[in-house]
Amino acid sequence: MPEILIYTTTICPYCIMAKRLLDKKGAAYTEINVGTQPELREAMMQKTRRRTVPQIYIGDLHVGGFDELYALEQQKKLDPLLAI
């Protein structure tokens, strides 16, 4: 299974939904909460070129946010990315 990285904030409903979907898939991920540390949000924005959370990486692939993650699931493309 590739490394999964998800940038989140504590109160973000889309972050919660993304984590629930990954949990449902049995996928282990590293969560970086950018809500309390501005330097982590800056690093996320530099890496992703986006300001919103969640921002999700599966391996080297920048999936984007929850909408993109969910679209992959609907298209049956998420499991192959997770190597399930």
PDB file of N, CA and C in Angstrom:
ATOM      1  N   MET A   1       0.852  -1.180   0.000  1.00  0.00           N
ATOM      2  CA  MET A   1       0.000   0.000   0.000  1.00  0.00           C
ATOM      3  C   MET A   1       0.897   1.243   0.000  1.00  0.00           C
ATOM      4  N   PRO A   2       0.620   2.190  -0.881  1.00  0.00           N
ATOM      5  CA  PRO A   2       1.444   3.405  -0.926  1.00  0.00           C
ATOM      6  C   PRO A   2       1.222   4.285   0.302  1.00  0.00           C
ATOM      7  N   GLU A   3       2.178   5.149   0.547  1.00  0.00           N
ATOM      8  CA  GLU A   3       2.035   6.098   1.653  1.00  0.00           C
ATOM      9  C   GLU A   3       0.938   7.098   1.313  1.00  0.00           C
ATOM     10  N   ILE A   4       0.085   7.377   2.279  1.00  0.00           N
ATOM     11  CA  ILE A   4      -1.006   8.326   2.092  1.00  0.00           C
ATOM     12  C   ILE A   4      -0.790   9.471   3.072  1.00  0.00           C
ATOM     13  N   LEU A   5      -0.877  10.677   2.543  1.00  0.00           N
ATOM     14  CA  LEU A   5      -0.709  11.878   3.346  1.00  0.00           C
ATOM     15  C   LEU A   5      -1.955  12.726   3.180  1.00  0.00           C
ATOM     16  N   ILE A   6      -2.520  13.186   4.296  1.00  0.00           N
ATOM     17  CA  ILE A   6      -3.717  14.021   4.219  1.00  0.00           C
ATOM     18  C   ILE A   6      -3.534  15.233   5.133  1.00  0.00           C
ATOM     19  N   TYR A   7      -3.640  16.403   4.524  1.00  0.00           N
ATOM     20  CA  TYR A   7      -3.605  17.660   5.271  1.00  0.00           C
ATOM     21  C   TYR A   7      -5.030  17.983   5.705  1.00  0.00           C
ATOM     22  N   THR A   8      -5.215  18.297   6.982  1.00  0.00           N
ATOM     23  CA  THR A   8      -6.551  18.508   7.524  1.00  0.00           C
ATOM     24  C   THR A   8      -6.583  19.690   8.489  1.00  0.00           C
ATOM     25  N   THR A   9      -7.798  20.022   8.924  1.00  0.00           N
ATOM     26  CA  THR A   9      -8.015  20.842  10.113  1.00  0.00           C
ATOM     27  C   THR A   9      -9.035  20.086  10.970  1.00  0.00           C
ATOM     28  N   THR A  10      -9.115  20.447  12.218  1.00  0.00           N
ATOM     29  CA  THR A  10      -9.945  19.711  13.167  1.00  0.00           C
ATOM     30  C   THR A  10     -11.432  19.789  12.847  1.00  0.00           C
ATOM     31  N   ILE A  11     -11.917  20.955  12.435  1.00  0.00           N
ATOM     32  CA  ILE A  11     -13.369  21.132  12.277  1.00  0.00           C
ATOM     33  C   ILE A  11     -13.863  20.995  10.836  1.00  0.00           C
ATOM     34  N   CYS A  12     -13.018  20.571   9.928  1.00  0.00           N
ATOM     35  CA  CYS A  12     -13.373  20.479   8.513  1.00  0.00           C
ATOM     36  C   CYS A  12     -14.217  19.229   8.238  1.00  0.00           C
ATOM     37  N   PRO A  13     -15.491  19.396   7.822  1.00  0.00           N
ATOM     38  CA  PRO A  13     -16.324  18.221   7.561  1.00  0.00           C
ATOM     39  C   PRO A  13     -15.818  17.381   6.386  1.00  0.00           C
ATOM     40  N   TYR A  14     -15.214  18.013   5.386  1.00  0.00           N
ATOM     41  CA  TYR A  14     -14.691  17.256   4.251  1.00  0.00           C
ATOM     42  C   TYR A  14     -13.468  16.435   4.648  1.00  0.00           C
ATOM     43  N   CYS A  15     -12.686  16.941   5.596  1.00  0.00           N
ATOM     44  CA  CYS A  15     -11.547  16.185   6.126  1.00  0.00           C
ATOM     45  C   CYS A  15     -12.049  14.935   6.840  1.00  0.00           C
ATOM     46  N   ILE A  16     -13.087  15.111   7.629  1.00  0.00           N
ATOM     47  CA  ILE A  16     -13.659  13.988   8.370  1.00  0.00           C
ATOM     48  C   ILE A  16     -14.185  12.934   7.399  1.00  0.00           C
ATOM     49  N   MET A  17     -14.880  13.370   6.350  1.00  0.00           N
ATOM     50  CA  MET A  17     -15.419  12.420   5.366  1.00  0.00           C
ATOM     51  C   MET A  17     -14.295  11.706   4.618  1.00  0.00           C
ATOM     52  N   ALA A  18     -13.222  12.422   4.287  1.00  0.00           N
ATOM     53  CA  ALA A  18     -12.089  11.799   3.596  1.00  0.00           C
ATOM     54  C   ALA A  18     -11.448  10.742   4.487  1.00  0.00           C
ATOM     55  N   LYS A  19     -11.251  11.071   5.749  1.00  0.00           N
ATOM     56  CA  LYS A  19     -10.639  10.107   6.671  1.00  0.00           C
ATOM     57  C   LYS A  19     -11.551   8.899   6.872  1.00  0.00           C
ATOM     58  N   ARG A  20     -12.846   9.118   6.931  1.00  0.00           N
ATOM     59  CA  ARG A  20     -13.786   7.991   7.077  1.00  0.00           C
ATOM     60  C   ARG A  20     -13.716   7.058   5.870  1.00  0.00           C
ATOM     61  N   LEU A  21     -13.641   7.634   4.683  1.00  0.00           N
ATOM     62  CA  LEU A  21     -13.545   6.808   3.478  1.00  0.00           C
ATOM     63  C   LEU A  21     -12.250   6.002   3.486  1.00  0.00           C
ATOM     64  N   LEU A  22     -11.144   6.647   3.828  1.00  0.00           N
ATOM     65  CA  LEU A  22      -9.871   5.926   3.883  1.00  0.00           C
ATOM     66  C   LEU A  22      -9.894   4.859   4.978  1.00  0.00           C
ATOM     67  N   ASP A  23     -10.501   5.179   6.115  1.00  0.00           N
ATOM     68  CA  ASP A  23     -10.628   4.190   7.191  1.00  0.00           C
ATOM     69  C   ASP A  23     -11.455   2.992   6.730  1.00  0.00           C
ATOM     70  N   LYS A  24     -12.536   3.262   6.022  1.00  0.00           N
ATOM     71  CA  LYS A  24     -13.401   2.200   5.503  1.00  0.00           C
ATOM     72  C   LYS A  24     -12.625   1.272   4.578  1.00  0.00           C
ATOM     73  N   LYS A  25     -11.673   1.840   3.859  1.00  0.00           N
ATOM     74  CA  LYS A  25     -10.843   1.052   2.942  1.00  0.00           C
ATOM     75  C   LYS A  25      -9.709   0.331   3.666  1.00  0.00           C
ATOM     76  N   GLY A  26      -9.549   0.615   4.952  1.00  0.00           N
ATOM     77  CA  GLY A  26      -8.461   0.007   5.706  1.00  0.00           C
ATOM     78  C   GLY A  26      -7.108   0.611   5.368  1.00  0.00           C
ATOM     79  N   ALA A  27      -7.122   1.817   4.835  1.00  0.00           N
ATOM     80  CA  ALA A  27      -5.890   2.489   4.411  1.00  0.00           C
ATOM     81  C   ALA A  27      -5.265   3.244   5.580  1.00  0.00           C
ATOM     82  N   ALA A  28      -3.990   3.017   5.800  1.00  0.00           N
ATOM     83  CA  ALA A  28      -3.250   3.772   6.809  1.00  0.00           C
ATOM     84  C   ALA A  28      -2.800   5.080   6.177  1.00  0.00           C
ATOM     85  N   TYR A  29      -2.862   6.156   6.939  1.00  0.00           N
ATOM     86  CA  TYR A  29      -2.473   7.458   6.402  1.00  0.00           C
ATOM     87  C   TYR A  29      -1.805   8.283   7.483  1.00  0.00           C
ATOM     88  N   THR A  30      -1.048   9.246   7.024  1.00  0.00           N
ATOM     89  CA  THR A  30      -0.432  10.217   7.910  1.00  0.00           C
ATOM     90  C   THR A  30      -1.241  11.494   7.807  1.00  0.00           C
ATOM     91  N   GLU A  31      -1.704  11.979   8.938  1.00  0.00           N
ATOM     92  CA  GLU A  31      -2.520  13.198   8.966  1.00  0.00           C
ATOM     93  C   GLU A  31      -1.676  14.352   9.480  1.00  0.00           C
ATOM     94  N   ILE A  32      -1.705  15.453   8.753  1.00  0.00           N
ATOM     95  CA  ILE A  32      -1.040  16.671   9.189  1.00  0.00           C
ATOM     96  C   ILE A  32      -2.117  17.725   9.395  1.00  0.00           C
ATOM     97  N   ASN A  33      -2.341  18.098  10.659  1.00  0.00           N
ATOM     98  CA  ASN A  33      -3.353  19.090  10.997  1.00  0.00           C
ATOM     99  C   ASN A  33      -2.726  20.479  10.861  1.00  0.00           C
ATOM    100  N   VAL A  34      -3.168  21.228   9.858  1.00  0.00           N
ATOM    101  CA  VAL A  34      -2.599  22.553   9.584  1.00  0.00           C
ATOM    102  C   VAL A  34      -3.371  23.672  10.271  1.00  0.00           C
ATOM    103  N   GLY A  35      -4.390  23.306  11.047  1.00  0.00           N
ATOM    104  CA  GLY A  35      -5.251  24.305  11.662  1.00  0.00           C
ATOM    105  C   GLY A  35      -4.617  25.109  12.774  1.00  0.00           C
ATOM    106  N   THR A  36      -3.647  24.544  13.438  1.00  0.00           N
ATOM    107  CA  THR A  36      -3.076  25.223  14.598  1.00  0.00           C
ATOM    108  C   THR A  36      -1.658  25.740  14.373  1.00  0.00           C
ATOM    109  N   GLN A  37      -1.059  25.351  13.265  1.00  0.00           N
ATOM    110  CA  GLN A  37       0.318  25.763  13.004  1.00  0.00           C
ATOM    111  C   GLN A  37       0.421  26.400  11.617  1.00  0.00           C
ATOM    112  N   PRO A  38       0.500  27.717  11.565  1.00  0.00           N
ATOM    113  CA  PRO A  38       0.533  28.413  10.273  1.00  0.00           C
ATOM    114  C   PRO A  38       1.670  27.952   9.368  1.00  0.00           C
ATOM    115  N   GLU A  39       2.794  27.546   9.933  1.00  0.00           N
ATOM    116  CA  GLU A  39       3.917  27.111   9.097  1.00  0.00           C
ATOM    117  C   GLU A  39       3.598  25.805   8.363  1.00  0.00           C
ATOM    118  N   LEU A  40       2.769  24.956   8.963  1.00  0.00           N
ATOM    119  CA  LEU A  40       2.359  23.730   8.280  1.00  0.00           C
ATOM    120  C   LEU A  40       1.402  24.038   7.135  1.00  0.00           C
ATOM    121  N   ARG A  41       0.518  25.009   7.334  1.00  0.00           N
ATOM    122  CA  ARG A  41      -0.378  25.417   6.242  1.00  0.00           C
ATOM    123  C   ARG A  41       0.428  26.015   5.095  1.00  0.00           C
ATOM    124  N   GLU A  42       1.425  26.815   5.426  1.00  0.00           N
ATOM    125  CA  GLU A  42       2.302  27.388   4.387  1.00  0.00           C
ATOM    126  C   GLU A  42       2.994  26.292   3.599  1.00  0.00           C
ATOM    127  N   ALA A  43       3.503  25.290   4.299  1.00  0.00           N
ATOM    128  CA  ALA A  43       4.178  24.170   3.629  1.00  0.00           C
ATOM    129  C   ALA A  43       3.200  23.424   2.728  1.00  0.00           C
ATOM    130  N   MET A  44       1.958  23.231   3.202  1.00  0.00           N
ATOM    131  CA  MET A  44       0.938  22.572   2.392  1.00  0.00           C
ATOM    132  C   MET A  44       0.650  23.378   1.125  1.00  0.00           C
ATOM    133  N   MET A  45       0.501  24.695   1.285  1.00  0.00           N
ATOM    134  CA  MET A  45       0.186  25.548   0.127  1.00  0.00           C
ATOM    135  C   MET A  45       1.335  25.546  -0.876  1.00  0.00           C
ATOM    136  N   GLN A  46       2.564  25.502  -0.405  1.00  0.00           N
ATOM    137  CA  GLN A  46       3.709  25.437  -1.301  1.00  0.00           C
ATOM    138  C   GLN A  46       3.697  24.122  -2.082  1.00  0.00           C
ATOM    139  N   LYS A  47       3.377  23.035  -1.391  1.00  0.00           N
ATOM    140  CA  LYS A  47       3.412  21.712  -2.006  1.00  0.00           C
ATOM    141  C   LYS A  47       2.245  21.489  -2.967  1.00  0.00           C
ATOM    142  N   THR A  48       1.038  21.941  -2.571  1.00  0.00           N
ATOM    143  CA  THR A  48      -0.170  21.614  -3.333  1.00  0.00           C
ATOM    144  C   THR A  48      -0.652  22.728  -4.248  1.00  0.00           C
ATOM    145  N   ARG A  49      -0.187  23.954  -3.973  1.00  0.00           N
ATOM    146  CA  ARG A  49      -0.667  25.147  -4.689  1.00  0.00           C
ATOM    147  C   ARG A  49      -2.147  25.408  -4.423  1.00  0.00           C
ATOM    148  N   ARG A  50      -2.643  24.886  -3.299  1.00  0.00           N
ATOM    149  CA  ARG A  50      -4.036  25.084  -2.900  1.00  0.00           C
ATOM    150  C   ARG A  50      -4.087  25.522  -1.443  1.00  0.00           C
ATOM    151  N   ARG A  51      -5.164  26.207  -1.075  1.00  0.00           N
ATOM    152  CA  ARG A  51      -5.319  26.739   0.287  1.00  0.00           C
ATOM    153  C   ARG A  51      -6.286  25.915   1.134  1.00  0.00           C
ATOM    154  N   THR A  52      -7.127  25.119   0.487  1.00  0.00           N
ATOM    155  CA  THR A  52      -8.197  24.421   1.194  1.00  0.00           C
ATOM    156  C   THR A  52      -7.755  23.040   1.676  1.00  0.00           C
ATOM    157  N   VAL A  53      -8.484  22.550   2.676  1.00  0.00           N
ATOM    158  CA  VAL A  53      -8.274  21.194   3.164  1.00  0.00           C
ATOM    159  C   VAL A  53      -9.551  20.399   2.974  1.00  0.00           C
ATOM    160  N   PRO A  54      -9.471  19.107   2.843  1.00  0.00           N
ATOM    161  CA  PRO A  54      -8.260  18.321   2.886  1.00  0.00           C
ATOM    162  C   PRO A  54      -7.488  18.403   1.579  1.00  0.00           C
ATOM    163  N   GLN A  55      -6.214  18.118   1.665  1.00  0.00           N
ATOM    164  CA  GLN A  55      -5.379  17.879   0.500  1.00  0.00           C
ATOM    165  C   GLN A  55      -4.782  16.492   0.705  1.00  0.00           C
ATOM    166  N   ILE A  56      -4.971  15.651  -0.291  1.00  0.00           N
ATOM    167  CA  ILE A  56      -4.664  14.233  -0.138  1.00  0.00           C
ATOM    168  C   ILE A  56      -3.644  13.801  -1.183  1.00  0.00           C
ATOM    169  N   TYR A  57      -2.639  13.098  -0.715  1.00  0.00           N
ATOM    170  CA  TYR A  57      -1.648  12.459  -1.582  1.00  0.00           C
ATOM    171  C   TYR A  57      -1.716  10.958  -1.376  1.00  0.00           C
ATOM    172  N   ILE A  58      -1.720  10.233  -2.478  1.00  0.00           N
ATOM    173  CA  ILE A  58      -1.557   8.781  -2.434  1.00  0.00           C
ATOM    174  C   ILE A  58      -0.266   8.502  -3.182  1.00  0.00           C
ATOM    175  N   GLY A  59       0.762   8.131  -2.442  1.00  0.00           N
ATOM    176  CA  GLY A  59       2.093   8.041  -3.033  1.00  0.00           C
ATOM    177  C   GLY A  59       2.491   9.422  -3.516  1.00  0.00           C
ATOM    178  N   ASP A  60       2.945   9.509  -4.754  1.00  0.00           N
ATOM    179  CA  ASP A  60       3.333  10.791  -5.333  1.00  0.00           C
ATOM    180  C   ASP A  60       2.167  11.510  -6.013  1.00  0.00           C
ATOM    181  N   LEU A  61       1.010  10.856  -6.098  1.00  0.00           N
ATOM    182  CA  LEU A  61      -0.153  11.426  -6.785  1.00  0.00           C
ATOM    183  C   LEU A  61      -0.904  12.377  -5.870  1.00  0.00           C
ATOM    184  N   HIS A  62      -1.030  13.628  -6.296  1.00  0.00           N
ATOM    185  CA  HIS A  62      -1.853  14.592  -5.562  1.00  0.00           C
ATOM    186  C   HIS A  62      -3.292  14.394  -6.020  1.00  0.00           C
ATOM    187  N   VAL A  63      -4.075  13.749  -5.179  1.00  0.00           N
ATOM    188  CA  VAL A  63      -5.477  13.467  -5.498  1.00  0.00           C
ATOM    189  C   VAL A  63      -6.283  14.758  -5.495  1.00  0.00           C
ATOM    190  N   GLY A  64      -6.018  15.618  -4.532  1.00  0.00           N
ATOM    191  CA  GLY A  64      -6.785  16.851  -4.352  1.00  0.00           C
ATOM    192  C   GLY A  64      -7.553  16.755  -3.057  1.00  0.00           C
ATOM    193  N   GLY A  65      -8.810  17.167  -3.080  1.00  0.00           N
ATOM    194  CA  GLY A  65      -9.634  17.175  -1.883  1.00  0.00           C
ATOM    195  C   GLY A  65     -10.582  15.996  -1.813  1.00  0.00           C
ATOM    196  N   PHE A  66     -11.573  16.107  -0.927  1.00  0.00           N
ATOM    197  CA  PHE A  66     -12.522  15.016  -0.741  1.00  0.00           C
ATOM    198  C   PHE A  66     -13.316  14.739  -2.010  1.00  0.00           C
ATOM    199  N   ASP A  67     -13.738  15.777  -2.712  1.00  0.00           N
ATOM    200  CA  ASP A  67     -14.544  15.562  -3.922  1.00  0.00           C
ATOM    201  C   ASP A  67     -13.798  14.690  -4.927  1.00  0.00           C
ATOM    202  N   GLU A  68     -12.515  14.938  -5.099  1.00  0.00           N
ATOM    203  CA  GLU A  68     -11.719  14.153  -6.037  1.00  0.00           C
ATOM    204  C   GLU A  68     -11.515  12.723  -5.527  1.00  0.00           C
ATOM    205  N   LEU A  69     -11.308  12.581  -4.201  1.00  0.00           N
ATOM    206  CA  LEU A  69     -11.160  11.251  -3.608  1.00  0.00           C
ATOM    207  C   LEU A  69     -12.439  10.446  -3.796  1.00  0.00           C
ATOM    208  N   TYR A  70     -13.574  11.081  -3.533  1.00  0.00           N
ATOM    209  CA  TYR A  70     -14.864  10.404  -3.675  1.00  0.00           C
ATOM    210  C   TYR A  70     -15.144  10.049  -5.131  1.00  0.00           C
ATOM    211  N   ALA A  71     -14.765  10.928  -6.042  1.00  0.00           N
ATOM    212  CA  ALA A  71     -14.946  10.638  -7.472  1.00  0.00           C
ATOM    213  C   ALA A  71     -14.143   9.404  -7.871  1.00  0.00           C
ATOM    214  N   LEU A  72     -12.922   9.286  -7.359  1.00  0.00           N
ATOM    215  CA  LEU A  72     -12.123   8.084  -7.639  1.00  0.00           C
ATOM    216  C   LEU A  72     -12.831   6.835  -7.126  1.00  0.00           C
ATOM    217  N   GLU A  73     -13.425   6.930  -5.955  1.00  0.00           N
ATOM    218  CA  GLU A  73     -14.163   5.797  -5.385  1.00  0.00           C
ATOM    219  C   GLU A  73     -15.357   5.446  -6.276  1.00  0.00           C
ATOM    220  N   GLN A  74     -16.113   6.442  -6.725  1.00  0.00           N
ATOM    221  CA  GLN A  74     -17.281   6.203  -7.575  1.00  0.00           C
ATOM    222  C   GLN A  74     -16.906   5.601  -8.920  1.00  0.00           C
ATOM    223  N   GLN A  75     -15.733   5.970  -9.425  1.00  0.00           N
ATOM    224  CA  GLN A  75     -15.256   5.460 -10.719  1.00  0.00           C
ATOM    225  C   GLN A  75     -14.520   4.132 -10.584  1.00  0.00           C
ATOM    226  N   LYS A  76     -14.490   3.595  -9.365  1.00  0.00           N
ATOM    227  CA  LYS A  76     -13.795   2.332  -9.074  1.00  0.00           C
ATOM    228  C   LYS A  76     -12.290   2.427  -9.345  1.00  0.00           C
ATOM    229  N   LYS A  77     -11.734   3.610  -9.158  1.00  0.00           N
ATOM    230  CA  LYS A  77     -10.304   3.826  -9.388  1.00  0.00           C
ATOM    231  C   LYS A  77      -9.505   3.966  -8.086  1.00  0.00           C
ATOM    232  N   LEU A  78     -10.209   4.051  -6.957  1.00  0.00           N
ATOM    233  CA  LEU A  78      -9.514   4.261  -5.687  1.00  0.00           C
ATOM    234  C   LEU A  78      -8.816   2.996  -5.207  1.00  0.00           C
ATOM    235  N   ASP A  79      -9.501   1.854  -5.270  1.00  0.00           N
ATOM    236  CA  ASP A  79      -8.892   0.616  -4.794  1.00  0.00           C
ATOM    237  C   ASP A  79      -7.579   0.293  -5.510  1.00  0.00           C
ATOM    238  N   PRO A  80      -7.510   0.427  -6.840  1.00  0.00           N
ATOM    239  CA  PRO A  80      -6.204   0.176  -7.489  1.00  0.00           C
ATOM    240  C   PRO A  80      -5.114   1.141  -7.012  1.00  0.00           C
ATOM    241  N   LEU A  81      -5.471   2.394  -6.759  1.00  0.00           N
ATOM    242  CA  LEU A  81      -4.469   3.349  -6.250  1.00  0.00           C
ATOM    243  C   LEU A  81      -3.991   2.943  -4.864  1.00  0.00           C
ATOM    244  N   LEU A  82      -4.896   2.406  -4.067  1.00  0.00           N
ATOM    245  CA  LEU A  82      -4.538   1.978  -2.722  1.00  0.00           C
ATOM    246  C   LEU A  82      -3.933   0.588  -2.722  1.00  0.00           C
ATOM    247  N   ALA A  83      -3.949  -0.068  -3.897  1.00  0.00           N
ATOM    248  CA  ALA A  83      -3.419  -1.426  -4.066  1.00  0.00           C
ATOM    249  C   ALA A  83      -4.172  -2.413  -3.166  1.00  0.00           C
ATOM    250  N   ILE A  84      -5.491  -2.254  -3.139  1.00  0.00           N
ATOM    251  CA  ILE A  84      -6.335  -3.167  -2.349  1.00  0.00           C
ATOM    252  C   ILE A  84      -6.750  -4.328  -3.242  1.00  0.00           C
TER     253      ILE A  84
END
